[in-house]
Amino acid sequence: MVRRKERRKFPRIKDKDISVQLSGGGFQTISQSLDVSASGIYCKVDRRVPLMTRVEIELSLPGKTKTAARKNLSVEGVVVREHPVKKEGRVQYYDVAIFFSALTPKERKLLVDYIEKRAKQK
């Protein structure tokens, strides 16, 4: 088996604990994260979002403890992959990959720190 070299700049972790709200292109929806990195998020949404759609993303990261306040981020992104998930021939939801197109250094650090902490917990 040939192993492909990892091309991602930032590590990615599976994480279903991030609340995600997407808006753009005339829609707004609440989503569930599937995995996340400091360069983007993969999430499940209830509607088709065409490739290259610019979206506003509201992320709510869990606090450091179960009782700690969540950290909220408002970032811009672009849909770079979209995949319908079907059951019995009908689309149930869509998995979408969103590239963070505008993150401040502070926002990126917050994501990196969160991801590193979560990776150590697993």
PDB file of N, CA and C in Angstrom:
ATOM      1  N   MET A   1       0.844  -1.178   0.000  1.00  0.00           N
ATOM      2  CA  MET A   1       0.000   0.000   0.000  1.00  0.00           C
ATOM      3  C   MET A   1       0.891   1.243   0.000  1.00  0.00           C
ATOM      4  N   VAL A   2       0.572   2.171  -0.867  1.00  0.00           N
ATOM      5  CA  VAL A   2       1.329   3.411  -0.971  1.00  0.00           C
ATOM      6  C   VAL A   2       0.678   4.456  -0.067  1.00  0.00           C
ATOM      7  N   ARG A   3       1.462   5.060   0.802  1.00  0.00           N
ATOM      8  CA  ARG A   3       0.938   6.109   1.674  1.00  0.00           C
ATOM      9  C   ARG A   3       1.166   7.461   1.014  1.00  0.00           C
ATOM     10  N   ARG A   4       0.090   8.245   1.016  1.00  0.00           N
ATOM     11  CA  ARG A   4       0.203   9.586   0.456  1.00  0.00           C
ATOM     12  C   ARG A   4       0.711  10.523   1.529  1.00  0.00           C
ATOM     13  N   LYS A   5       1.537  11.454   1.124  1.00  0.00           N
ATOM     14  CA  LYS A   5       2.060  12.447   2.047  1.00  0.00           C
ATOM     15  C   LYS A   5       0.938  13.412   2.437  1.00  0.00           C
ATOM     16  N   GLU A   6       0.832  13.688   3.718  1.00  0.00           N
ATOM     17  CA  GLU A   6      -0.167  14.629   4.222  1.00  0.00           C
ATOM     18  C   GLU A   6       0.158  16.014   3.683  1.00  0.00           C
ATOM     19  N   ARG A   7      -0.823  16.639   3.034  1.00  0.00           N
ATOM     20  CA  ARG A   7      -0.611  17.955   2.445  1.00  0.00           C
ATOM     21  C   ARG A   7      -1.173  19.066   3.296  1.00  0.00           C
ATOM     22  N   ARG A   8      -1.917  18.724   4.325  1.00  0.00           N
ATOM     23  CA  ARG A   8      -2.524  19.760   5.153  1.00  0.00           C
ATOM     24  C   ARG A   8      -1.468  20.481   5.973  1.00  0.00           C
ATOM     25  N   LYS A   9      -1.632  21.781   6.049  1.00  0.00           N
ATOM     26  CA  LYS A   9      -0.716  22.613   6.819  1.00  0.00           C
ATOM     27  C   LYS A   9      -0.997  22.488   8.313  1.00  0.00           C
ATOM     28  N   PHE A  10      -2.277  22.301   8.673  1.00  0.00           N
ATOM     29  CA  PHE A  10      -2.681  22.208  10.064  1.00  0.00           C
ATOM     30  C   PHE A  10      -3.318  20.851  10.327  1.00  0.00           C
ATOM     31  N   PRO A  11      -3.057  20.281  11.518  1.00  0.00           N
ATOM     32  CA  PRO A  11      -3.689  18.995  11.835  1.00  0.00           C
ATOM     33  C   PRO A  11      -5.202  19.121  11.933  1.00  0.00           C
ATOM     34  N   ARG A  12      -5.882  18.037  11.637  1.00  0.00           N
ATOM     35  CA  ARG A  12      -7.337  17.994  11.644  1.00  0.00           C
ATOM     36  C   ARG A  12      -7.757  16.950  12.672  1.00  0.00           C
ATOM     37  N   ILE A  13      -8.815  17.264  13.424  1.00  0.00           N
ATOM     38  CA  ILE A  13      -9.336  16.308  14.397  1.00  0.00           C
ATOM     39  C   ILE A  13     -10.836  16.120  14.185  1.00  0.00           C
ATOM     40  N   LYS A  14     -11.321  14.933  14.507  1.00  0.00           N
ATOM     41  CA  LYS A  14     -12.763  14.705  14.508  1.00  0.00           C
ATOM     42  C   LYS A  14     -13.311  15.402  15.744  1.00  0.00           C
ATOM     43  N   ASP A  15     -14.391  16.154  15.573  1.00  0.00           N
ATOM     44  CA  ASP A  15     -14.954  16.893  16.693  1.00  0.00           C
ATOM     45  C   ASP A  15     -16.400  17.246  16.378  1.00  0.00           C
ATOM     46  N   LYS A  16     -17.323  16.674  17.135  1.00  0.00           N
ATOM     47  CA  LYS A  16     -18.748  16.945  16.934  1.00  0.00           C
ATOM     48  C   LYS A  16     -19.276  17.915  17.978  1.00  0.00           C
ATOM     49  N   ASP A  17     -18.388  18.520  18.756  1.00  0.00           N
ATOM     50  CA  ASP A  17     -18.804  19.405  19.849  1.00  0.00           C
ATOM     51  C   ASP A  17     -18.830  20.886  19.482  1.00  0.00           C
ATOM     52  N   ILE A  18     -18.489  21.218  18.252  1.00  0.00           N
ATOM     53  CA  ILE A  18     -18.474  22.618  17.826  1.00  0.00           C
ATOM     54  C   ILE A  18     -19.824  22.956  17.192  1.00  0.00           C
ATOM     55  N   SER A  19     -20.475  23.963  17.738  1.00  0.00           N
ATOM     56  CA  SER A  19     -21.715  24.453  17.127  1.00  0.00           C
ATOM     57  C   SER A  19     -21.337  25.351  15.960  1.00  0.00           C
ATOM     58  N   VAL A  20     -22.035  25.186  14.857  1.00  0.00           N
ATOM     59  CA  VAL A  20     -21.719  25.934  13.645  1.00  0.00           C
ATOM     60  C   VAL A  20     -23.004  26.543  13.102  1.00  0.00           C
ATOM     61  N   GLN A  21     -22.943  27.827  12.789  1.00  0.00           N
ATOM     62  CA  GLN A  21     -24.058  28.484  12.102  1.00  0.00           C
ATOM     63  C   GLN A  21     -23.493  29.088  10.826  1.00  0.00           C
ATOM     64  N   LEU A  22     -24.108  28.748   9.704  1.00  0.00           N
ATOM     65  CA  LEU A  22     -23.658  29.230   8.400  1.00  0.00           C
ATOM     66  C   LEU A  22     -24.697  30.177   7.816  1.00  0.00           C
ATOM     67  N   SER A  23     -24.219  31.208   7.152  1.00  0.00           N
ATOM     68  CA  SER A  23     -25.128  32.072   6.398  1.00  0.00           C
ATOM     69  C   SER A  23     -24.393  32.592   5.178  1.00  0.00           C
ATOM     70  N   GLY A  24     -25.163  32.838   4.137  1.00  0.00           N
ATOM     71  CA  GLY A  24     -24.604  33.346   2.885  1.00  0.00           C
ATOM     72  C   GLY A  24     -25.402  32.840   1.714  1.00  0.00           C
ATOM     73  N   GLY A  25     -25.342  33.546   0.627  1.00  0.00           N
ATOM     74  CA  GLY A  25     -26.061  33.118  -0.566  1.00  0.00           C
ATOM     75  C   GLY A  25     -27.562  33.015  -0.356  1.00  0.00           C
ATOM     76  N   GLY A  26     -28.098  33.830   0.550  1.00  0.00           N
ATOM     77  CA  GLY A  26     -29.531  33.844   0.774  1.00  0.00           C
ATOM     78  C   GLY A  26     -30.042  32.773   1.723  1.00  0.00           C
ATOM     79  N   PHE A  27     -29.171  32.119   2.481  1.00  0.00           N
ATOM     80  CA  PHE A  27     -29.634  31.102   3.418  1.00  0.00           C
ATOM     81  C   PHE A  27     -28.948  31.282   4.774  1.00  0.00           C
ATOM     82  N   GLN A  28     -29.516  30.626   5.758  1.00  0.00           N
ATOM     83  CA  GLN A  28     -28.922  30.553   7.088  1.00  0.00           C
ATOM     84  C   GLN A  28     -29.295  29.194   7.654  1.00  0.00           C
ATOM     85  N   THR A  29     -28.319  28.487   8.238  1.00  0.00           N
ATOM     86  CA  THR A  29     -28.590  27.172   8.787  1.00  0.00           C
ATOM     87  C   THR A  29     -27.657  26.886   9.955  1.00  0.00           C
ATOM     88  N   ILE A  30     -28.125  26.058  10.844  1.00  0.00           N
ATOM     89  CA  ILE A  30     -27.311  25.594  11.964  1.00  0.00           C
ATOM     90  C   ILE A  30     -26.772  24.233  11.583  1.00  0.00           C
ATOM     91  N   SER A  31     -25.536  23.971  11.964  1.00  0.00           N
ATOM     92  CA  SER A  31     -24.861  22.775  11.520  1.00  0.00           C
ATOM     93  C   SER A  31     -24.153  22.082  12.677  1.00  0.00           C
ATOM     94  N   GLN A  32     -23.668  20.884  12.394  1.00  0.00           N
ATOM     95  CA  GLN A  32     -22.866  20.119  13.335  1.00  0.00           C
ATOM     96  C   GLN A  32     -21.502  19.887  12.702  1.00  0.00           C
ATOM     97  N   SER A  33     -20.457  20.118  13.483  1.00  0.00           N
ATOM     98  CA  SER A  33     -19.114  19.864  12.970  1.00  0.00           C
ATOM     99  C   SER A  33     -18.848  18.369  12.917  1.00  0.00           C
ATOM    100  N   LEU A  34     -18.051  17.966  11.948  1.00  0.00           N
ATOM    101  CA  LEU A  34     -17.586  16.586  11.860  1.00  0.00           C
ATOM    102  C   LEU A  34     -16.099  16.535  12.166  1.00  0.00           C
ATOM    103  N   ASP A  35     -15.353  17.448  11.565  1.00  0.00           N
ATOM    104  CA  ASP A  35     -13.949  17.612  11.928  1.00  0.00           C
ATOM    105  C   ASP A  35     -13.529  19.048  11.659  1.00  0.00           C
ATOM    106  N   VAL A  36     -12.396  19.422  12.229  1.00  0.00           N
ATOM    107  CA  VAL A  36     -11.958  20.813  12.169  1.00  0.00           C
ATOM    108  C   VAL A  36     -10.435  20.889  12.163  1.00  0.00           C
ATOM    109  N   SER A  37      -9.924  21.922  11.536  1.00  0.00           N
ATOM    110  CA  SER A  37      -8.507  22.267  11.598  1.00  0.00           C
ATOM    111  C   SER A  37      -8.442  23.786  11.674  1.00  0.00           C
ATOM    112  N   ALA A  38      -7.245  24.311  11.766  1.00  0.00           N
ATOM    113  CA  ALA A  38      -7.091  25.767  11.808  1.00  0.00           C
ATOM    114  C   ALA A  38      -7.243  26.382  10.421  1.00  0.00           C
ATOM    115  N   SER A  39      -7.488  25.548   9.397  1.00  0.00           N
ATOM    116  CA  SER A  39      -7.695  26.100   8.059  1.00  0.00           C
ATOM    117  C   SER A  39      -9.105  25.863   7.529  1.00  0.00           C
ATOM    118  N   GLY A  40      -9.911  25.062   8.245  1.00  0.00           N
ATOM    119  CA  GLY A  40     -11.262  24.834   7.764  1.00  0.00           C
ATOM    120  C   GLY A  40     -12.049  23.879   8.630  1.00  0.00           C
ATOM    121  N   ILE A  41     -13.291  23.679   8.235  1.00  0.00           N
ATOM    122  CA  ILE A  41     -14.189  22.801   8.985  1.00  0.00           C
ATOM    123  C   ILE A  41     -14.987  21.952   8.013  1.00  0.00           C
ATOM    124  N   TYR A  42     -15.277  20.746   8.432  1.00  0.00           N
ATOM    125  CA  TYR A  42     -16.111  19.821   7.674  1.00  0.00           C
ATOM    126  C   TYR A  42     -17.366  19.634   8.508  1.00  0.00           C
ATOM    127  N   CYS A  43     -18.523  19.903   7.928  1.00  0.00           N
ATOM    128  CA  CYS A  43     -19.746  19.844   8.725  1.00  0.00           C
ATOM    129  C   CYS A  43     -20.908  19.317   7.900  1.00  0.00           C
ATOM    130  N   LYS A  44     -21.995  19.017   8.605  1.00  0.00           N
ATOM    131  CA  LYS A  44     -23.187  18.480   7.974  1.00  0.00           C
ATOM    132  C   LYS A  44     -24.237  19.579   7.978  1.00  0.00           C
ATOM    133  N   VAL A  45     -24.892  19.784   6.825  1.00  0.00           N
ATOM    134  CA  VAL A  45     -25.924  20.811   6.703  1.00  0.00           C
ATOM    135  C   VAL A  45     -27.180  20.226   6.059  1.00  0.00           C
ATOM    136  N   ASP A  46     -28.286  20.920   6.238  1.00  0.00           N
ATOM    137  CA  ASP A  46     -29.579  20.419   5.771  1.00  0.00           C
ATOM    138  C   ASP A  46     -29.937  20.834   4.353  1.00  0.00           C
ATOM    139  N   ARG A  47     -29.042  21.513   3.663  1.00  0.00           N
ATOM    140  CA  ARG A  47     -29.338  21.965   2.307  1.00  0.00           C
ATOM    141  C   ARG A  47     -28.063  21.943   1.472  1.00  0.00           C
ATOM    142  N   ARG A  48     -28.239  21.927   0.183  1.00  0.00           N
ATOM    143  CA  ARG A  48     -27.099  21.979  -0.731  1.00  0.00           C
ATOM    144  C   ARG A  48     -26.519  23.384  -0.712  1.00  0.00           C
ATOM    145  N   VAL A  49     -25.206  23.451  -0.576  1.00  0.00           N
ATOM    146  CA  VAL A  49     -24.503  24.734  -0.653  1.00  0.00           C
ATOM    147  C   VAL A  49     -23.493  24.586  -1.790  1.00  0.00           C
ATOM    148  N   PRO A  50     -23.701  25.288  -2.900  1.00  0.00           N
ATOM    149  CA  PRO A  50     -22.834  25.125  -4.072  1.00  0.00           C
ATOM    150  C   PRO A  50     -21.361  25.434  -3.780  1.00  0.00           C
ATOM    151  N   LEU A  51     -20.499  24.753  -4.513  1.00  0.00           N
ATOM    152  CA  LEU A  51     -19.066  25.007  -4.402  1.00  0.00           C
ATOM    153  C   LEU A  51     -18.767  26.481  -4.638  1.00  0.00           C
ATOM    154  N   MET A  52     -17.778  26.974  -3.948  1.00  0.00           N
ATOM    155  CA  MET A  52     -17.269  28.343  -4.025  1.00  0.00           C
ATOM    156  C   MET A  52     -18.239  29.375  -3.439  1.00  0.00           C
ATOM    157  N   THR A  53     -19.285  28.925  -2.741  1.00  0.00           N
ATOM    158  CA  THR A  53     -20.169  29.860  -2.052  1.00  0.00           C
ATOM    159  C   THR A  53     -19.419  30.460  -0.869  1.00  0.00           C
ATOM    160  N   ARG A  54     -19.449  31.783  -0.782  1.00  0.00           N
ATOM    161  CA  ARG A  54     -18.854  32.472   0.368  1.00  0.00           C
ATOM    162  C   ARG A  54     -19.867  32.429   1.504  1.00  0.00           C
ATOM    163  N   VAL A  55     -19.370  32.071   2.694  1.00  0.00           N
ATOM    164  CA  VAL A  55     -20.260  31.950   3.846  1.00  0.00           C
ATOM    165  C   VAL A  55     -19.666  32.677   5.055  1.00  0.00           C
ATOM    166  N   GLU A  56     -20.566  33.145   5.897  1.00  0.00           N
ATOM    167  CA  GLU A  56     -20.195  33.664   7.208  1.00  0.00           C
ATOM    168  C   GLU A  56     -20.402  32.508   8.172  1.00  0.00           C
ATOM    169  N   ILE A  57     -19.428  32.273   9.029  1.00  0.00           N
ATOM    170  CA  ILE A  57     -19.478  31.132   9.922  1.00  0.00           C
ATOM    171  C   ILE A  57     -19.383  31.618  11.365  1.00  0.00           C
ATOM    172  N   GLU A  58     -20.329  31.197  12.168  1.00  0.00           N
ATOM    173  CA  GLU A  58     -20.292  31.448  13.605  1.00  0.00           C
ATOM    174  C   GLU A  58     -19.931  30.123  14.259  1.00  0.00           C
ATOM    175  N   LEU A  59     -18.740  30.063  14.846  1.00  0.00           N
ATOM    176  CA  LEU A  59     -18.291  28.856  15.534  1.00  0.00           C
ATOM    177  C   LEU A  59     -18.412  29.070  17.032  1.00  0.00           C
ATOM    178  N   SER A  60     -18.877  28.062  17.726  1.00  0.00           N
ATOM    179  CA  SER A  60     -18.948  28.111  19.175  1.00  0.00           C
ATOM    180  C   SER A  60     -18.169  26.914  19.705  1.00  0.00           C
ATOM    181  N   LEU A  61     -16.955  27.205  20.225  1.00  0.00           N
ATOM    182  CA  LEU A  61     -16.069  26.155  20.713  1.00  0.00           C
ATOM    183  C   LEU A  61     -16.365  25.872  22.181  1.00  0.00           C
ATOM    184  N   PRO A  62     -16.369  24.603  22.576  1.00  0.00           N
ATOM    185  CA  PRO A  62     -16.579  24.288  23.985  1.00  0.00           C
ATOM    186  C   PRO A  62     -15.498  24.930  24.860  1.00  0.00           C
ATOM    187  N   GLY A  63     -15.865  25.265  26.091  1.00  0.00           N
ATOM    188  CA  GLY A  63     -14.911  25.836  27.040  1.00  0.00           C
ATOM    189  C   GLY A  63     -13.908  24.792  27.503  1.00  0.00           C
ATOM    190  N   LYS A  64     -12.952  25.223  28.308  1.00  0.00           N
ATOM    191  CA  LYS A  64     -11.900  24.326  28.784  1.00  0.00           C
ATOM    192  C   LYS A  64     -12.429  23.267  29.738  1.00  0.00           C
ATOM    193  N   THR A  65     -13.523  23.566  30.413  1.00  0.00           N
ATOM    194  CA  THR A  65     -14.187  22.585  31.286  1.00  0.00           C
ATOM    195  C   THR A  65     -15.661  22.548  30.895  1.00  0.00           C
ATOM    196  N   LYS A  66     -16.388  21.587  31.418  1.00  0.00           N
ATOM    197  CA  LYS A  66     -17.809  21.460  31.062  1.00  0.00           C
ATOM    198  C   LYS A  66     -18.622  22.669  31.502  1.00  0.00           C
ATOM    199  N   THR A  67     -18.170  23.364  32.547  1.00  0.00           N
ATOM    200  CA  THR A  67     -18.917  24.522  33.042  1.00  0.00           C
ATOM    201  C   THR A  67     -18.375  25.853  32.521  1.00  0.00           C
ATOM    202  N   ALA A  68     -17.247  25.811  31.826  1.00  0.00           N
ATOM    203  CA  ALA A  68     -16.654  27.048  31.307  1.00  0.00           C
ATOM    204  C   ALA A  68     -17.451  27.574  30.117  1.00  0.00           C
ATOM    205  N   ALA A  69     -17.404  28.884  29.950  1.00  0.00           N
ATOM    206  CA  ALA A  69     -18.112  29.517  28.828  1.00  0.00           C
ATOM    207  C   ALA A  69     -17.514  29.071  27.498  1.00  0.00           C
ATOM    208  N   ARG A  70     -18.363  28.987  26.489  1.00  0.00           N
ATOM    209  CA  ARG A  70     -17.912  28.652  25.143  1.00  0.00           C
ATOM    210  C   ARG A  70     -17.205  29.857  24.531  1.00  0.00           C
ATOM    211  N   LYS A  71     -16.296  29.594  23.610  1.00  0.00           N
ATOM    212  CA  LYS A  71     -15.601  30.653  22.869  1.00  0.00           C
ATOM    213  C   LYS A  71     -16.264  30.768  21.512  1.00  0.00           C
ATOM    214  N   ASN A  72     -16.647  31.991  21.146  1.00  0.00           N
ATOM    215  CA  ASN A  72     -17.320  32.208  19.870  1.00  0.00           C
ATOM    216  C   ASN A  72     -16.406  32.930  18.886  1.00  0.00           C
ATOM    217  N   LEU A  73     -16.444  32.463  17.653  1.00  0.00           N
ATOM    218  CA  LEU A  73     -15.670  33.056  16.565  1.00  0.00           C
ATOM    219  C   LEU A  73     -16.602  33.348  15.396  1.00  0.00           C
ATOM    220  N   SER A  74     -16.421  34.477  14.759  1.00  0.00           N
ATOM    221  CA  SER A  74     -17.120  34.808  13.517  1.00  0.00           C
ATOM    222  C   SER A  74     -16.060  34.894  12.432  1.00  0.00           C
ATOM    223  N   VAL A  75     -16.134  33.980  11.480  1.00  0.00           N
ATOM    224  CA  VAL A  75     -15.117  33.931  10.426  1.00  0.00           C
ATOM    225  C   VAL A  75     -15.779  33.824   9.060  1.00  0.00           C
ATOM    226  N   GLU A  76     -15.010  34.126   8.038  1.00  0.00           N
ATOM    227  CA  GLU A  76     -15.472  33.984   6.663  1.00  0.00           C
ATOM    228  C   GLU A  76     -14.889  32.711   6.070  1.00  0.00           C
ATOM    229  N   GLY A  77     -15.653  32.090   5.178  1.00  0.00           N
ATOM    230  CA  GLY A  77     -15.173  30.877   4.551  1.00  0.00           C
ATOM    231  C   GLY A  77     -15.725  30.702   3.153  1.00  0.00           C
ATOM    232  N   VAL A  78     -15.206  29.682   2.484  1.00  0.00           N
ATOM    233  CA  VAL A  78     -15.626  29.336   1.128  1.00  0.00           C
ATOM    234  C   VAL A  78     -15.852  27.827   1.083  1.00  0.00           C
ATOM    235  N   VAL A  79     -16.984  27.415   0.538  1.00  0.00           N
ATOM    236  CA  VAL A  79     -17.282  25.992   0.399  1.00  0.00           C
ATOM    237  C   VAL A  79     -16.386  25.426  -0.697  1.00  0.00           C
ATOM    238  N   VAL A  80     -15.580  24.420  -0.340  1.00  0.00           N
ATOM    239  CA  VAL A  80     -14.651  23.838  -1.305  1.00  0.00           C
ATOM    240  C   VAL A  80     -14.996  22.393  -1.664  1.00  0.00           C
ATOM    241  N   ARG A  81     -15.906  21.791  -0.901  1.00  0.00           N
ATOM    242  CA  ARG A  81     -16.363  20.444  -1.222  1.00  0.00           C
ATOM    243  C   ARG A  81     -17.767  20.265  -0.667  1.00  0.00           C
ATOM    244  N   GLU A  82     -18.609  19.570  -1.417  1.00  0.00           N
ATOM    245  CA  GLU A  82     -19.996  19.326  -1.005  1.00  0.00           C
ATOM    246  C   GLU A  82     -20.368  17.920  -1.451  1.00  0.00           C
ATOM    247  N   HIS A  83     -20.958  17.166  -0.507  1.00  0.00           N
ATOM    248  CA  HIS A  83     -21.275  15.771  -0.790  1.00  0.00           C
ATOM    249  C   HIS A  83     -22.640  15.428  -0.212  1.00  0.00           C
ATOM    250  N   PRO A  84     -23.603  15.040  -1.069  1.00  0.00           N
ATOM    251  CA  PRO A  84     -24.906  14.633  -0.536  1.00  0.00           C
ATOM    252  C   PRO A  84     -24.800  13.255   0.126  1.00  0.00           C
ATOM    253  N   VAL A  85     -25.419  13.108   1.285  1.00  0.00           N
ATOM    254  CA  VAL A  85     -25.465  11.821   1.978  1.00  0.00           C
ATOM    255  C   VAL A  85     -26.872  11.269   1.794  1.00  0.00           C
ATOM    256  N   LYS A  86     -26.957  10.101   1.151  1.00  0.00           N
ATOM    257  CA  LYS A  86     -28.255   9.527   0.798  1.00  0.00           C
ATOM    258  C   LYS A  86     -28.560   8.284   1.640  1.00  0.00           C
ATOM    259  N   LYS A  87     -29.837   8.112   1.867  1.00  0.00           N
ATOM    260  CA  LYS A  87     -30.329   6.905   2.522  1.00  0.00           C
ATOM    261  C   LYS A  87     -31.582   6.488   1.765  1.00  0.00           C
ATOM    262  N   GLU A  88     -31.598   5.240   1.323  1.00  0.00           N
ATOM    263  CA  GLU A  88     -32.717   4.723   0.535  1.00  0.00           C
ATOM    264  C   GLU A  88     -33.016   5.614  -0.672  1.00  0.00           C
ATOM    265  N   GLY A  89     -31.961   6.096  -1.316  1.00  0.00           N
ATOM    266  CA  GLY A  89     -32.104   6.878  -2.530  1.00  0.00           C
ATOM    267  C   GLY A  89     -32.476   8.339  -2.351  1.00  0.00           C
ATOM    268  N   ARG A  90     -32.655   8.789  -1.116  1.00  0.00           N
ATOM    269  CA  ARG A  90     -33.034  10.183  -0.855  1.00  0.00           C
ATOM    270  C   ARG A  90     -31.929  10.891  -0.093  1.00  0.00           C
ATOM    271  N   VAL A  91     -31.683  12.145  -0.446  1.00  0.00           N
ATOM    272  CA  VAL A  91     -30.676  12.935   0.252  1.00  0.00           C
ATOM    273  C   VAL A  91     -31.173  13.242   1.660  1.00  0.00           C
ATOM    274  N   GLN A  92     -30.360  12.882   2.654  1.00  0.00           N
ATOM    275  CA  GLN A  92     -30.700  13.131   4.055  1.00  0.00           C
ATOM    276  C   GLN A  92     -30.107  14.461   4.533  1.00  0.00           C
ATOM    277  N   TYR A  93     -28.871  14.722   4.089  1.00  0.00           N
ATOM    278  CA  TYR A  93     -28.170  15.951   4.429  1.00  0.00           C
ATOM    279  C   TYR A  93     -26.940  16.042   3.530  1.00  0.00           C
ATOM    280  N   TYR A  94     -26.198  17.119   3.667  1.00  0.00           N
ATOM    281  CA  TYR A  94     -24.993  17.337   2.867  1.00  0.00           C
ATOM    282  C   TYR A  94     -23.800  17.520   3.796  1.00  0.00           C
ATOM    283  N   ASP A  95     -22.702  16.872   3.475  1.00  0.00           N
ATOM    284  CA  ASP A  95     -21.440  17.137   4.147  1.00  0.00           C
ATOM    285  C   ASP A  95     -20.719  18.189   3.322  1.00  0.00           C
ATOM    286  N   VAL A  96     -20.280  19.255   3.969  1.00  0.00           N
ATOM    287  CA  VAL A  96     -19.570  20.319   3.254  1.00  0.00           C
ATOM    288  C   VAL A  96     -18.240  20.615   3.932  1.00  0.00           C
ATOM    289  N   ALA A  97     -17.242  20.866   3.109  1.00  0.00           N
ATOM    290  CA  ALA A  97     -15.936  21.290   3.598  1.00  0.00           C
ATOM    291  C   ALA A  97     -15.818  22.778   3.313  1.00  0.00           C
ATOM    292  N   ILE A  98     -15.447  23.525   4.350  1.00  0.00           N
ATOM    293  CA  ILE A  98     -15.347  24.978   4.233  1.00  0.00           C
ATOM    294  C   ILE A  98     -13.940  25.410   4.598  1.00  0.00           C
ATOM    295  N   PHE A  99     -13.305  26.124   3.690  1.00  0.00           N
ATOM    296  CA  PHE A  99     -11.985  26.696   3.920  1.00  0.00           C
ATOM    297  C   PHE A  99     -12.166  28.053   4.588  1.00  0.00           C
ATOM    298  N   PHE A 100     -11.461  28.285   5.699  1.00  0.00           N
ATOM    299  CA  PHE A 100     -11.511  29.585   6.358  1.00  0.00           C
ATOM    300  C   PHE A 100     -10.702  30.570   5.517  1.00  0.00           C
ATOM    301  N   SER A 101     -11.377  31.514   4.896  1.00  0.00           N
ATOM    302  CA  SER A 101     -10.700  32.439   3.988  1.00  0.00           C
ATOM    303  C   SER A 101     -10.185  33.696   4.686  1.00  0.00           C
ATOM    304  N   ALA A 102     -10.660  33.958   5.885  1.00  0.00           N
ATOM    305  CA  ALA A 102     -10.215  35.157   6.600  1.00  0.00           C
ATOM    306  C   ALA A 102     -10.219  34.880   8.102  1.00  0.00           C
ATOM    307  N   LEU A 103      -9.028  34.573   8.627  1.00  0.00           N
ATOM    308  CA  LEU A 103      -8.854  34.381  10.063  1.00  0.00           C
ATOM    309  C   LEU A 103      -7.771  35.327  10.547  1.00  0.00           C
ATOM    310  N   THR A 104      -8.018  35.991  11.643  1.00  0.00           N
ATOM    311  CA  THR A 104      -6.968  36.817  12.237  1.00  0.00           C
ATOM    312  C   THR A 104      -5.975  35.882  12.919  1.00  0.00           C
ATOM    313  N   PRO A 105      -4.756  36.345  13.167  1.00  0.00           N
ATOM    314  CA  PRO A 105      -3.801  35.508  13.911  1.00  0.00           C
ATOM    315  C   PRO A 105      -4.357  35.070  15.275  1.00  0.00           C
ATOM    316  N   LYS A 106      -5.103  35.933  15.931  1.00  0.00           N
ATOM    317  CA  LYS A 106      -5.686  35.595  17.228  1.00  0.00           C
ATOM    318  C   LYS A 106      -6.714  34.466  17.085  1.00  0.00           C
ATOM    319  N   GLU A 107      -7.553  34.542  16.050  1.00  0.00           N
ATOM    320  CA  GLU A 107      -8.552  33.499  15.817  1.00  0.00           C
ATOM    321  C   GLU A 107      -7.883  32.169  15.471  1.00  0.00           C
ATOM    322  N   ARG A 108      -6.848  32.222  14.620  1.00  0.00           N
ATOM    323  CA  ARG A 108      -6.141  30.993  14.241  1.00  0.00           C
ATOM    324  C   ARG A 108      -5.491  30.363  15.475  1.00  0.00           C
ATOM    325  N   LYS A 109      -4.894  31.191  16.337  1.00  0.00           N
ATOM    326  CA  LYS A 109      -4.266  30.674  17.553  1.00  0.00           C
ATOM    327  C   LYS A 109      -5.308  30.023  18.461  1.00  0.00           C
ATOM    328  N   LEU A 110      -6.458  30.639  18.586  1.00  0.00           N
ATOM    329  CA  LEU A 110      -7.530  30.065  19.397  1.00  0.00           C
ATOM    330  C   LEU A 110      -7.920  28.679  18.876  1.00  0.00           C
ATOM    331  N   LEU A 111      -8.050  28.551  17.558  1.00  0.00           N
ATOM    332  CA  LEU A 111      -8.375  27.257  16.952  1.00  0.00           C
ATOM    333  C   LEU A 111      -7.252  26.240  17.148  1.00  0.00           C
ATOM    334  N   VAL A 112      -6.015  26.656  16.909  1.00  0.00           N
ATOM    335  CA  VAL A 112      -4.871  25.753  17.076  1.00  0.00           C
ATOM    336  C   VAL A 112      -4.803  25.258  18.513  1.00  0.00           C
ATOM    337  N   ASP A 113      -4.943  26.161  19.481  1.00  0.00           N
ATOM    338  CA  ASP A 113      -4.892  25.771  20.895  1.00  0.00           C
ATOM    339  C   ASP A 113      -6.018  24.796  21.228  1.00  0.00           C
ATOM    340  N   TYR A 114      -7.218  25.078  20.745  1.00  0.00           N
ATOM    341  CA  TYR A 114      -8.367  24.209  20.988  1.00  0.00           C
ATOM    342  C   TYR A 114      -8.108  22.816  20.399  1.00  0.00           C
ATOM    343  N   ILE A 115      -7.642  22.761  19.171  1.00  0.00           N
ATOM    344  CA  ILE A 115      -7.399  21.483  18.490  1.00  0.00           C
ATOM    345  C   ILE A 115      -6.310  20.686  19.199  1.00  0.00           C
ATOM    346  N   GLU A 116      -5.238  21.354  19.585  1.00  0.00           N
ATOM    347  CA  GLU A 116      -4.157  20.662  20.296  1.00  0.00           C
ATOM    348  C   GLU A 116      -4.654  20.082  21.617  1.00  0.00           C
ATOM    349  N   LYS A 117      -5.464  20.847  22.341  1.00  0.00           N
ATOM    350  CA  LYS A 117      -6.009  20.394  23.616  1.00  0.00           C
ATOM    351  C   LYS A 117      -6.903  19.174  23.397  1.00  0.00           C
ATOM    352  N   ARG A 118      -7.779  19.249  22.408  1.00  0.00           N
ATOM    353  CA  ARG A 118      -8.697  18.139  22.132  1.00  0.00           C
ATOM    354  C   ARG A 118      -7.943  16.891  21.654  1.00  0.00           C
ATOM    355  N   ALA A 119      -6.893  17.078  20.857  1.00  0.00           N
ATOM    356  CA  ALA A 119      -6.122  15.950  20.351  1.00  0.00           C
ATOM    357  C   ALA A 119      -5.457  15.196  21.513  1.00  0.00           C
ATOM    358  N   LYS A 120      -5.033  15.915  22.520  1.00  0.00           N
ATOM    359  CA  LYS A 120      -4.398  15.274  23.689  1.00  0.00           C
ATOM    360  C   LYS A 120      -5.401  14.508  24.537  1.00  0.00           C
ATOM    361  N   GLN A 121      -6.658  14.942  24.497  1.00  0.00           N
ATOM    362  CA  GLN A 121      -7.702  14.292  25.289  1.00  0.00           C
ATOM    363  C   GLN A 121      -8.139  12.953  24.689  1.00  0.00           C
ATOM    364  N   LYS A 122      -7.927  12.775  23.420  1.00  0.00           N
ATOM    365  CA  LYS A 122      -8.421  11.568  22.741  1.00  0.00           C
ATOM    366  C   LYS A 122      -7.431  10.464  22.740  1.00  0.00           C
TER     367      LYS A 122
END
